[in-house]
Amino acid sequence: MVDATYRGELRDLNELNYARFDAKLEQRVAQLEAKLDQRVVQLEAKLDQRVAELRADLQIGLERLETRLTKRLFGFWIAQAATTAGLVFGVVKLLQ
């Protein structure tokens, strides 16, 4: 009978300790989830910032490329116009 009483008390004590452990574990898991969520938000903000910086850099690079290509095209057109004008004047001179 004493043995059964001790067993019952031990079972109750174990259940109480398990309930405490479970509550602490849930609390710590919730804390870790909150920290993880906060860290994810911070990383997303950093990633968004970096993506915006890269897009700005890419935009600047594309604008510079466009400027260089436009200058080269104008140079090509001027050379073509000069060549065409020279050929026209040459043909006119030959025909006269």
PDB file of N, CA and C in Angstrom:
ATOM      1  N   MET A   1       0.815  -1.180   0.000  1.00  0.00           N
ATOM      2  CA  MET A   1       0.000   0.000   0.000  1.00  0.00           C
ATOM      3  C   MET A   1       0.872   1.262   0.000  1.00  0.00           C
ATOM      4  N   VAL A   2       1.932   1.246   0.808  1.00  0.00           N
ATOM      5  CA  VAL A   2       2.852   2.375   0.844  1.00  0.00           C
ATOM      6  C   VAL A   2       3.527   2.519  -0.508  1.00  0.00           C
ATOM      7  N   ASP A   3       3.867   1.393  -1.103  1.00  0.00           N
ATOM      8  CA  ASP A   3       4.500   1.391  -2.424  1.00  0.00           C
ATOM      9  C   ASP A   3       3.577   2.028  -3.459  1.00  0.00           C
ATOM     10  N   ALA A   4       2.309   1.705  -3.415  1.00  0.00           N
ATOM     11  CA  ALA A   4       1.344   2.265  -4.358  1.00  0.00           C
ATOM     12  C   ALA A   4       1.192   3.769  -4.132  1.00  0.00           C
ATOM     13  N   THR A   5       1.221   4.186  -2.892  1.00  0.00           N
ATOM     14  CA  THR A   5       1.117   5.610  -2.570  1.00  0.00           C
ATOM     15  C   THR A   5       2.311   6.351  -3.136  1.00  0.00           C
ATOM     16  N   TYR A   6       3.512   5.814  -2.925  1.00  0.00           N
ATOM     17  CA  TYR A   6       4.721   6.442  -3.468  1.00  0.00           C
ATOM     18  C   TYR A   6       4.694   6.488  -4.996  1.00  0.00           C
ATOM     19  N   ARG A   7       4.212   5.402  -5.582  1.00  0.00           N
ATOM     20  CA  ARG A   7       4.106   5.376  -7.039  1.00  0.00           C
ATOM     21  C   ARG A   7       3.149   6.451  -7.540  1.00  0.00           C
ATOM     22  N   GLY A   8       2.041   6.580  -6.890  1.00  0.00           N
ATOM     23  CA  GLY A   8       1.061   7.604  -7.269  1.00  0.00           C
ATOM     24  C   GLY A   8       1.646   9.006  -7.118  1.00  0.00           C
ATOM     25  N   GLU A   9       2.325   9.229  -5.998  1.00  0.00           N
ATOM     26  CA  GLU A   9       2.952  10.536  -5.782  1.00  0.00           C
ATOM     27  C   GLU A   9       4.045  10.797  -6.819  1.00  0.00           C
ATOM     28  N   LEU A  10       4.827   9.748  -7.101  1.00  0.00           N
ATOM     29  CA  LEU A  10       5.901   9.889  -8.090  1.00  0.00           C
ATOM     30  C   LEU A  10       5.320  10.179  -9.475  1.00  0.00           C
ATOM     31  N   ARG A  11       4.216   9.492  -9.814  1.00  0.00           N
ATOM     32  CA  ARG A  11       3.567   9.723 -11.095  1.00  0.00           C
ATOM     33  C   ARG A  11       3.057  11.170 -11.165  1.00  0.00           C
ATOM     34  N   ASP A  12       2.416  11.633 -10.103  1.00  0.00           N
ATOM     35  CA  ASP A  12       1.918  13.016 -10.064  1.00  0.00           C
ATOM     36  C   ASP A  12       3.068  14.008 -10.185  1.00  0.00           C
ATOM     37  N   LEU A  13       4.150  13.738  -9.486  1.00  0.00           N
ATOM     38  CA  LEU A  13       5.321  14.617  -9.539  1.00  0.00           C
ATOM     39  C   LEU A  13       5.928  14.635 -10.936  1.00  0.00           C
ATOM     40  N   ASN A  14       6.005  13.469 -11.553  1.00  0.00           N
ATOM     41  CA  ASN A  14       6.538  13.389 -12.916  1.00  0.00           C
ATOM     42  C   ASN A  14       5.638  14.138 -13.899  1.00  0.00           C
ATOM     43  N   GLU A  15       4.335  13.986 -13.753  1.00  0.00           N
ATOM     44  CA  GLU A  15       3.408  14.698 -14.627  1.00  0.00           C
ATOM     45  C   GLU A  15       3.521  16.208 -14.440  1.00  0.00           C
ATOM     46  N   LEU A  16       3.677  16.637 -13.186  1.00  0.00           N
ATOM     47  CA  LEU A  16       3.844  18.061 -12.911  1.00  0.00           C
ATOM     48  C   LEU A  16       5.145  18.579 -13.517  1.00  0.00           C
ATOM     49  N   ASN A  17       6.220  17.826 -13.349  1.00  0.00           N
ATOM     50  CA  ASN A  17       7.510  18.225 -13.933  1.00  0.00           C
ATOM     51  C   ASN A  17       7.451  18.239 -15.455  1.00  0.00           C
ATOM     52  N   TYR A  18       6.762  17.256 -16.037  1.00  0.00           N
ATOM     53  CA  TYR A  18       6.630  17.231 -17.487  1.00  0.00           C
ATOM     54  C   TYR A  18       5.825  18.428 -17.976  1.00  0.00           C
ATOM     55  N   ALA A  19       4.771  18.780 -17.251  1.00  0.00           N
ATOM     56  CA  ALA A  19       3.958  19.930 -17.630  1.00  0.00           C
ATOM     57  C   ALA A  19       4.791  21.206 -17.566  1.00  0.00           C
ATOM     58  N   ARG A  20       5.628  21.353 -16.534  1.00  0.00           N
ATOM     59  CA  ARG A  20       6.515  22.516 -16.433  1.00  0.00           C
ATOM     60  C   ARG A  20       7.507  22.538 -17.589  1.00  0.00           C
ATOM     61  N   PHE A  21       8.101  21.374 -17.843  1.00  0.00           N
ATOM     62  CA  PHE A  21       9.063  21.272 -18.951  1.00  0.00           C
ATOM     63  C   PHE A  21       8.401  21.632 -20.276  1.00  0.00           C
ATOM     64  N   ASP A  22       7.205  21.106 -20.501  1.00  0.00           N
ATOM     65  CA  ASP A  22       6.488  21.367 -21.743  1.00  0.00           C
ATOM     66  C   ASP A  22       6.163  22.854 -21.876  1.00  0.00           C
ATOM     67  N   ALA A  23       5.767  23.480 -20.798  1.00  0.00           N
ATOM     68  CA  ALA A  23       5.450  24.912 -20.838  1.00  0.00           C
ATOM     69  C   ALA A  23       6.701  25.732 -21.141  1.00  0.00           C
ATOM     70  N   LYS A  24       7.818  25.395 -20.486  1.00  0.00           N
ATOM     71  CA  LYS A  24       9.073  26.107 -20.754  1.00  0.00           C
ATOM     72  C   LYS A  24       9.523  25.887 -22.196  1.00  0.00           C
ATOM     73  N   LEU A  25       9.381  24.669 -22.669  1.00  0.00           N
ATOM     74  CA  LEU A  25       9.776  24.358 -24.045  1.00  0.00           C
ATOM     75  C   LEU A  25       8.939  25.162 -25.035  1.00  0.00           C
ATOM     76  N   GLU A  26       7.638  25.221 -24.811  1.00  0.00           N
ATOM     77  CA  GLU A  26       6.776  26.003 -25.691  1.00  0.00           C
ATOM     78  C   GLU A  26       7.140  27.481 -25.652  1.00  0.00           C
ATOM     79  N   GLN A  27       7.457  27.976 -24.465  1.00  0.00           N
ATOM     80  CA  GLN A  27       7.850  29.380 -24.327  1.00  0.00           C
ATOM     81  C   GLN A  27       9.139  29.647 -25.095  1.00  0.00           C
ATOM     82  N   ARG A  28      10.108  28.770 -24.959  1.00  0.00           N
ATOM     83  CA  ARG A  28      11.382  28.961 -25.660  1.00  0.00           C
ATOM     84  C   ARG A  28      11.224  28.821 -27.170  1.00  0.00           C
ATOM     85  N   VAL A  29      10.390  27.912 -27.597  1.00  0.00           N
ATOM     86  CA  VAL A  29      10.135  27.762 -29.034  1.00  0.00           C
ATOM     87  C   VAL A  29       9.482  29.026 -29.570  1.00  0.00           C
ATOM     88  N   ALA A  30       8.545  29.587 -28.811  1.00  0.00           N
ATOM     89  CA  ALA A  30       7.898  30.824 -29.244  1.00  0.00           C
ATOM     90  C   ALA A  30       8.904  31.971 -29.310  1.00  0.00           C
ATOM     91  N   GLN A  31       9.819  32.032 -28.337  1.00  0.00           N
ATOM     92  CA  GLN A  31      10.855  33.073 -28.357  1.00  0.00           C
ATOM     93  C   GLN A  31      11.756  32.904 -29.572  1.00  0.00           C
ATOM     94  N   LEU A  32      12.151  31.675 -29.843  1.00  0.00           N
ATOM     95  CA  LEU A  32      13.009  31.422 -31.002  1.00  0.00           C
ATOM     96  C   LEU A  32      12.291  31.756 -32.309  1.00  0.00           C
ATOM     97  N   GLU A  33      11.021  31.431 -32.394  1.00  0.00           N
ATOM     98  CA  GLU A  33      10.261  31.772 -33.592  1.00  0.00           C
ATOM     99  C   GLU A  33      10.179  33.280 -33.776  1.00  0.00           C
ATOM    100  N   ALA A  34       9.988  34.003 -32.665  1.00  0.00           N
ATOM    101  CA  ALA A  34       9.923  35.471 -32.752  1.00  0.00           C
ATOM    102  C   ALA A  34      11.263  36.038 -33.207  1.00  0.00           C
ATOM    103  N   LYS A  35      12.352  35.506 -32.660  1.00  0.00           N
ATOM    104  CA  LYS A  35      13.682  35.969 -33.076  1.00  0.00           C
ATOM    105  C   LYS A  35      13.932  35.637 -34.539  1.00  0.00           C
ATOM    106  N   LEU A  36      13.537  34.451 -34.936  1.00  0.00           N
ATOM    107  CA  LEU A  36      13.729  34.033 -36.326  1.00  0.00           C
ATOM    108  C   LEU A  36      12.911  34.910 -37.268  1.00  0.00           C
ATOM    109  N   ASP A  37      11.666  35.185 -36.902  1.00  0.00           N
ATOM    110  CA  ASP A  37      10.834  36.069 -37.729  1.00  0.00           C
ATOM    111  C   ASP A  37      11.454  37.455 -37.842  1.00  0.00           C
ATOM    112  N   GLN A  38      11.965  37.970 -36.731  1.00  0.00           N
ATOM    113  CA  GLN A  38      12.610  39.285 -36.744  1.00  0.00           C
ATOM    114  C   GLN A  38      13.830  39.273 -37.650  1.00  0.00           C
ATOM    115  N   ARG A  39      14.619  38.230 -37.570  1.00  0.00           N
ATOM    116  CA  ARG A  39      15.819  38.123 -38.399  1.00  0.00           C
ATOM    117  C   ARG A  39      15.457  38.015 -39.884  1.00  0.00           C
ATOM    118  N   VAL A  40      14.414  37.270 -40.178  1.00  0.00           N
ATOM    119  CA  VAL A  40      13.966  37.138 -41.570  1.00  0.00           C
ATOM    120  C   VAL A  40      13.531  38.492 -42.112  1.00  0.00           C
ATOM    121  N   VAL A  41      12.813  39.256 -41.287  1.00  0.00           N
ATOM    122  CA  VAL A  41      12.379  40.590 -41.722  1.00  0.00           C
ATOM    123  C   VAL A  41      13.595  41.471 -41.983  1.00  0.00           C
ATOM    124  N   GLN A  42      14.595  41.413 -41.109  1.00  0.00           N
ATOM    125  CA  GLN A  42      15.814  42.205 -41.304  1.00  0.00           C
ATOM    126  C   GLN A  42      16.526  41.797 -42.586  1.00  0.00           C
ATOM    127  N   LEU A  43      16.648  40.502 -42.816  1.00  0.00           N
ATOM    128  CA  LEU A  43      17.317  40.019 -44.027  1.00  0.00           C
ATOM    129  C   LEU A  43      16.550  40.403 -45.284  1.00  0.00           C
ATOM    130  N   GLU A  44      15.229  40.355 -45.218  1.00  0.00           N
ATOM    131  CA  GLU A  44      14.434  40.775 -46.370  1.00  0.00           C
ATOM    132  C   GLU A  44      14.636  42.256 -46.661  1.00  0.00           C
ATOM    133  N   ALA A  45      14.722  43.057 -45.598  1.00  0.00           N
ATOM    134  CA  ALA A  45      14.949  44.497 -45.794  1.00  0.00           C
ATOM    135  C   ALA A  45      16.317  44.737 -46.428  1.00  0.00           C
ATOM    136  N   LYS A  46      17.336  44.017 -45.951  1.00  0.00           N
ATOM    137  CA  LYS A  46      18.673  44.156 -46.535  1.00  0.00           C
ATOM    138  C   LYS A  46      18.670  43.705 -47.993  1.00  0.00           C
ATOM    139  N   LEU A  47      17.995  42.616 -48.257  1.00  0.00           N
ATOM    140  CA  LEU A  47      17.938  42.104 -49.626  1.00  0.00           C
ATOM    141  C   LEU A  47      17.225  43.092 -50.544  1.00  0.00           C
ATOM    142  N   ASP A  48      16.121  43.649 -50.070  1.00  0.00           N
ATOM    143  CA  ASP A  48      15.418  44.654 -50.873  1.00  0.00           C
ATOM    144  C   ASP A  48      16.303  45.858 -51.149  1.00  0.00           C
ATOM    145  N   GLN A  49      17.073  46.267 -50.145  1.00  0.00           N
ATOM    146  CA  GLN A  49      17.984  47.412 -50.317  1.00  0.00           C
ATOM    147  C   GLN A  49      19.054  47.084 -51.351  1.00  0.00           C
ATOM    148  N   ARG A  50      19.641  45.910 -51.245  1.00  0.00           N
ATOM    149  CA  ARG A  50      20.685  45.517 -52.197  1.00  0.00           C
ATOM    150  C   ARG A  50      20.141  45.408 -53.609  1.00  0.00           C
ATOM    151  N   VAL A  51      18.948  44.852 -53.751  1.00  0.00           N
ATOM    152  CA  VAL A  51      18.340  44.730 -55.075  1.00  0.00           C
ATOM    153  C   VAL A  51      18.095  46.116 -55.666  1.00  0.00           C
ATOM    154  N   ALA A  52      17.623  47.048 -54.830  1.00  0.00           N
ATOM    155  CA  ALA A  52      17.404  48.415 -55.309  1.00  0.00           C
ATOM    156  C   ALA A  52      18.722  49.057 -55.735  1.00  0.00           C
ATOM    157  N   GLU A  53      19.790  48.828 -54.962  1.00  0.00           N
ATOM    158  CA  GLU A  53      21.100  49.377 -55.328  1.00  0.00           C
ATOM    159  C   GLU A  53      21.583  48.782 -56.646  1.00  0.00           C
ATOM    160  N   LEU A  54      21.420  47.473 -56.808  1.00  0.00           N
ATOM    161  CA  LEU A  54      21.852  46.825 -58.047  1.00  0.00           C
ATOM    162  C   LEU A  54      21.046  47.322 -59.248  1.00  0.00           C
ATOM    163  N   ARG A  55      19.752  47.524 -59.041  1.00  0.00           N
ATOM    164  CA  ARG A  55      18.938  48.048 -60.130  1.00  0.00           C
ATOM    165  C   ARG A  55      19.371  49.453 -60.512  1.00  0.00           C
ATOM    166  N   ALA A  56      19.692  50.262 -59.502  1.00  0.00           N
ATOM    167  CA  ALA A  56      20.158  51.626 -59.783  1.00  0.00           C
ATOM    168  C   ALA A  56      21.481  51.587 -60.539  1.00  0.00           C
ATOM    169  N   ASP A  57      22.395  50.715 -60.096  1.00  0.00           N
ATOM    170  CA  ASP A  57      23.678  50.580 -60.784  1.00  0.00           C
ATOM    171  C   ASP A  57      23.478  50.097 -62.216  1.00  0.00           C
ATOM    172  N   LEU A  58      22.592  49.153 -62.401  1.00  0.00           N
ATOM    173  CA  LEU A  58      22.315  48.644 -63.741  1.00  0.00           C
ATOM    174  C   LEU A  58      21.710  49.740 -64.617  1.00  0.00           C
ATOM    175  N   GLN A  59      20.811  50.514 -64.055  1.00  0.00           N
ATOM    176  CA  GLN A  59      20.198  51.605 -64.803  1.00  0.00           C
ATOM    177  C   GLN A  59      21.247  52.611 -65.246  1.00  0.00           C
ATOM    178  N   ILE A  60      22.167  52.958 -64.339  1.00  0.00           N
ATOM    179  CA  ILE A  60      23.244  53.902 -64.674  1.00  0.00           C
ATOM    180  C   ILE A  60      24.122  53.318 -65.772  1.00  0.00           C
ATOM    181  N   GLY A  61      24.451  52.049 -65.640  1.00  0.00           N
ATOM    182  CA  GLY A  61      25.272  51.397 -66.655  1.00  0.00           C
ATOM    183  C   GLY A  61      24.599  51.375 -68.016  1.00  0.00           C
ATOM    184  N   LEU A  62      23.313  51.090 -68.028  1.00  0.00           N
ATOM    185  CA  LEU A  62      22.584  51.068 -69.300  1.00  0.00           C
ATOM    186  C   LEU A  62      22.495  52.464 -69.907  1.00  0.00           C
ATOM    187  N   GLU A  63      22.326  53.478 -69.072  1.00  0.00           N
ATOM    188  CA  GLU A  63      22.282  54.849 -69.597  1.00  0.00           C
ATOM    189  C   GLU A  63      23.625  55.241 -70.196  1.00  0.00           C
ATOM    190  N   ARG A  64      24.709  54.848 -69.566  1.00  0.00           N
ATOM    191  CA  ARG A  64      26.041  55.146 -70.114  1.00  0.00           C
ATOM    192  C   ARG A  64      26.250  54.420 -71.441  1.00  0.00           C
ATOM    193  N   LEU A  65      25.824  53.161 -71.491  1.00  0.00           N
ATOM    194  CA  LEU A  65      25.950  52.391 -72.724  1.00  0.00           C
ATOM    195  C   LEU A  65      25.132  53.036 -73.843  1.00  0.00           C
ATOM    196  N   GLU A  66      23.933  53.469 -73.512  1.00  0.00           N
ATOM    197  CA  GLU A  66      23.086  54.119 -74.506  1.00  0.00           C
ATOM    198  C   GLU A  66      23.734  55.406 -75.026  1.00  0.00           C
ATOM    199  N   THR A  67      24.349  56.168 -74.132  1.00  0.00           N
ATOM    200  CA  THR A  67      25.026  57.403 -74.538  1.00  0.00           C
ATOM    201  C   THR A  67      26.184  57.090 -75.479  1.00  0.00           C
ATOM    202  N   ARG A  68      26.989  56.102 -75.135  1.00  0.00           N
ATOM    203  CA  ARG A  68      28.122  55.733 -76.000  1.00  0.00           C
ATOM    204  C   ARG A  68      27.651  55.253 -77.361  1.00  0.00           C
ATOM    205  N   LEU A  69      26.621  54.416 -77.373  1.00  0.00           N
ATOM    206  CA  LEU A  69      26.112  53.913 -78.653  1.00  0.00           C
ATOM    207  C   LEU A  69      25.536  55.035 -79.506  1.00  0.00           C
ATOM    208  N   THR A  70      24.843  55.975 -78.875  1.00  0.00           N
ATOM    209  CA  THR A  70      24.288  57.098 -79.628  1.00  0.00           C
ATOM    210  C   THR A  70      25.399  57.929 -80.255  1.00  0.00           C
ATOM    211  N   LYS A  71      26.458  58.187 -79.486  1.00  0.00           N
ATOM    212  CA  LYS A  71      27.593  58.946 -80.037  1.00  0.00           C
ATOM    213  C   LYS A  71      28.218  58.198 -81.216  1.00  0.00           C
ATOM    214  N   ARG A  72      28.385  56.903 -81.084  1.00  0.00           N
ATOM    215  CA  ARG A  72      28.989  56.128 -82.163  1.00  0.00           C
ATOM    216  C   ARG A  72      28.088  56.100 -83.399  1.00  0.00           C
ATOM    217  N   LEU A  73      26.784  56.000 -83.187  1.00  0.00           N
ATOM    218  CA  LEU A  73      25.867  56.002 -84.325  1.00  0.00           C
ATOM    219  C   LEU A  73      25.900  57.336 -85.058  1.00  0.00           C
ATOM    220  N   PHE A  74      25.931  58.440 -84.294  1.00  0.00           N
ATOM    221  CA  PHE A  74      26.034  59.739 -84.948  1.00  0.00           C
ATOM    222  C   PHE A  74      27.338  59.859 -85.725  1.00  0.00           C
ATOM    223  N   GLY A  75      28.418  59.348 -85.152  1.00  0.00           N
ATOM    224  CA  GLY A  75      29.699  59.352 -85.868  1.00  0.00           C
ATOM    225  C   GLY A  75      29.612  58.540 -87.147  1.00  0.00           C
ATOM    226  N   PHE A  76      28.979  57.384 -87.080  1.00  0.00           N
ATOM    227  CA  PHE A  76      28.806  56.546 -88.260  1.00  0.00           C
ATOM    228  C   PHE A  76      27.961  57.257 -89.314  1.00  0.00           C
ATOM    229  N   TRP A  77      26.851  57.888 -88.876  1.00  0.00           N
ATOM    230  CA  TRP A  77      25.974  58.586 -89.818  1.00  0.00           C
ATOM    231  C   TRP A  77      26.680  59.764 -90.477  1.00  0.00           C
ATOM    232  N   ILE A  78      27.481  60.476 -89.724  1.00  0.00           N
ATOM    233  CA  ILE A  78      28.222  61.607 -90.287  1.00  0.00           C
ATOM    234  C   ILE A  78      29.223  61.106 -91.324  1.00  0.00           C
ATOM    235  N   ALA A  79      29.921  60.012 -90.984  1.00  0.00           N
ATOM    236  CA  ALA A  79      30.886  59.447 -91.935  1.00  0.00           C
ATOM    237  C   ALA A  79      30.160  58.948 -93.186  1.00  0.00           C
ATOM    238  N   GLN A  80      29.033  58.302 -93.030  1.00  0.00           N
ATOM    239  CA  GLN A  80      28.262  57.827 -94.173  1.00  0.00           C
ATOM    240  C   GLN A  80      27.768  58.999 -95.029  1.00  0.00           C
ATOM    241  N   ALA A  81      27.290  60.055 -94.387  1.00  0.00           N
ATOM    242  CA  ALA A  81      26.815  61.219 -95.131  1.00  0.00           C
ATOM    243  C   ALA A  81      27.966  61.860 -95.890  1.00  0.00           C
ATOM    244  N   ALA A  82      29.138  61.965 -95.270  1.00  0.00           N
ATOM    245  CA  ALA A  82      30.297  62.557 -95.937  1.00  0.00           C
ATOM    246  C   ALA A  82      30.717  61.692 -97.126  1.00  0.00           C
ATOM    247  N   THR A  83      30.728  60.392 -96.931  1.00  0.00           N
ATOM    248  CA  THR A  83      31.098  59.478 -98.022  1.00  0.00           C
ATOM    249  C   THR A  83      30.090  59.579 -99.167  1.00  0.00           C
ATOM    250  N   THR A  84      28.832  59.568 -98.837  1.00  0.00           N
ATOM    251  CA  THR A  84      27.796  59.677 -99.868  1.00  0.00           C
ATOM    252  C   THR A  84      27.896  61.011-100.605  1.00  0.00           C
ATOM    253  N   ALA A  85      28.103  62.100 -99.870  1.00  0.00           N
ATOM    254  CA  ALA A  85      28.245  63.421-100.499  1.00  0.00           C
ATOM    255  C   ALA A  85      29.472  63.439-101.396  1.00  0.00           C
ATOM    256  N   GLY A  86      30.570  62.852-100.951  1.00  0.00           N
ATOM    257  CA  GLY A  86      31.783  62.788-101.762  1.00  0.00           C
ATOM    258  C   GLY A  86      31.565  62.011-103.042  1.00  0.00           C
ATOM    259  N   LEU A  87      30.879  60.880-102.941  1.00  0.00           N
ATOM    260  CA  LEU A  87      30.582  60.081-104.130  1.00  0.00           C
ATOM    261  C   LEU A  87      29.669  60.834-105.095  1.00  0.00           C
ATOM    262  N   VAL A  88      28.674  61.523-104.571  1.00  0.00           N
ATOM    263  CA  VAL A  88      27.776  62.295-105.428  1.00  0.00           C
ATOM    264  C   VAL A  88      28.540  63.378-106.134  1.00  0.00           C
ATOM    265  N   PHE A  89      29.364  64.137-105.415  1.00  0.00           N
ATOM    266  CA  PHE A  89      30.166  65.191-106.056  1.00  0.00           C
ATOM    267  C   PHE A  89      31.137  64.606-107.074  1.00  0.00           C
ATOM    268  N   GLY A  90      31.722  63.450-106.754  1.00  0.00           N
ATOM    269  CA  GLY A  90      32.639  62.822-107.693  1.00  0.00           C
ATOM    270  C   GLY A  90      31.932  62.399-108.974  1.00  0.00           C
ATOM    271  N   VAL A  91      30.766  61.810-108.851  1.00  0.00           N
ATOM    272  CA  VAL A  91      30.008  61.381-110.025  1.00  0.00           C
ATOM    273  C   VAL A  91      29.560  62.592-110.845  1.00  0.00           C
ATOM    274  N   VAL A  92      29.131  63.647-110.172  1.00  0.00           N
ATOM    275  CA  VAL A  92      28.732  64.869-110.883  1.00  0.00           C
ATOM    276  C   VAL A  92      29.902  65.446-111.627  1.00  0.00           C
ATOM    277  N   LYS A  93      31.085  65.464-111.041  1.00  0.00           N
ATOM    278  CA  LYS A  93      32.291  66.005-111.703  1.00  0.00           C
ATOM    279  C   LYS A  93      32.648  65.169-112.920  1.00  0.00           C
ATOM    280  N   LEU A  94      32.502  63.844-112.769  1.00  0.00           N
ATOM    281  CA  LEU A  94      32.841  62.968-113.899  1.00  0.00           C
ATOM    282  C   LEU A  94      31.854  63.150-115.056  1.00  0.00           C
ATOM    283  N   LEU A  95      30.616  63.419-114.734  1.00  0.00           N
ATOM    284  CA  LEU A  95      29.598  63.575-115.772  1.00  0.00           C
ATOM    285  C   LEU A  95      29.681  64.919-116.465  1.00  0.00           C
ATOM    286  N   GLN A  96      30.337  65.894-115.901  1.00  0.00           N
ATOM    287  CA  GLN A  96      30.418  67.216-116.525  1.00  0.00           C
ATOM    288  C   GLN A  96      31.519  67.311-117.523  1.00  0.00           C
TER     289      GLN A  96
END
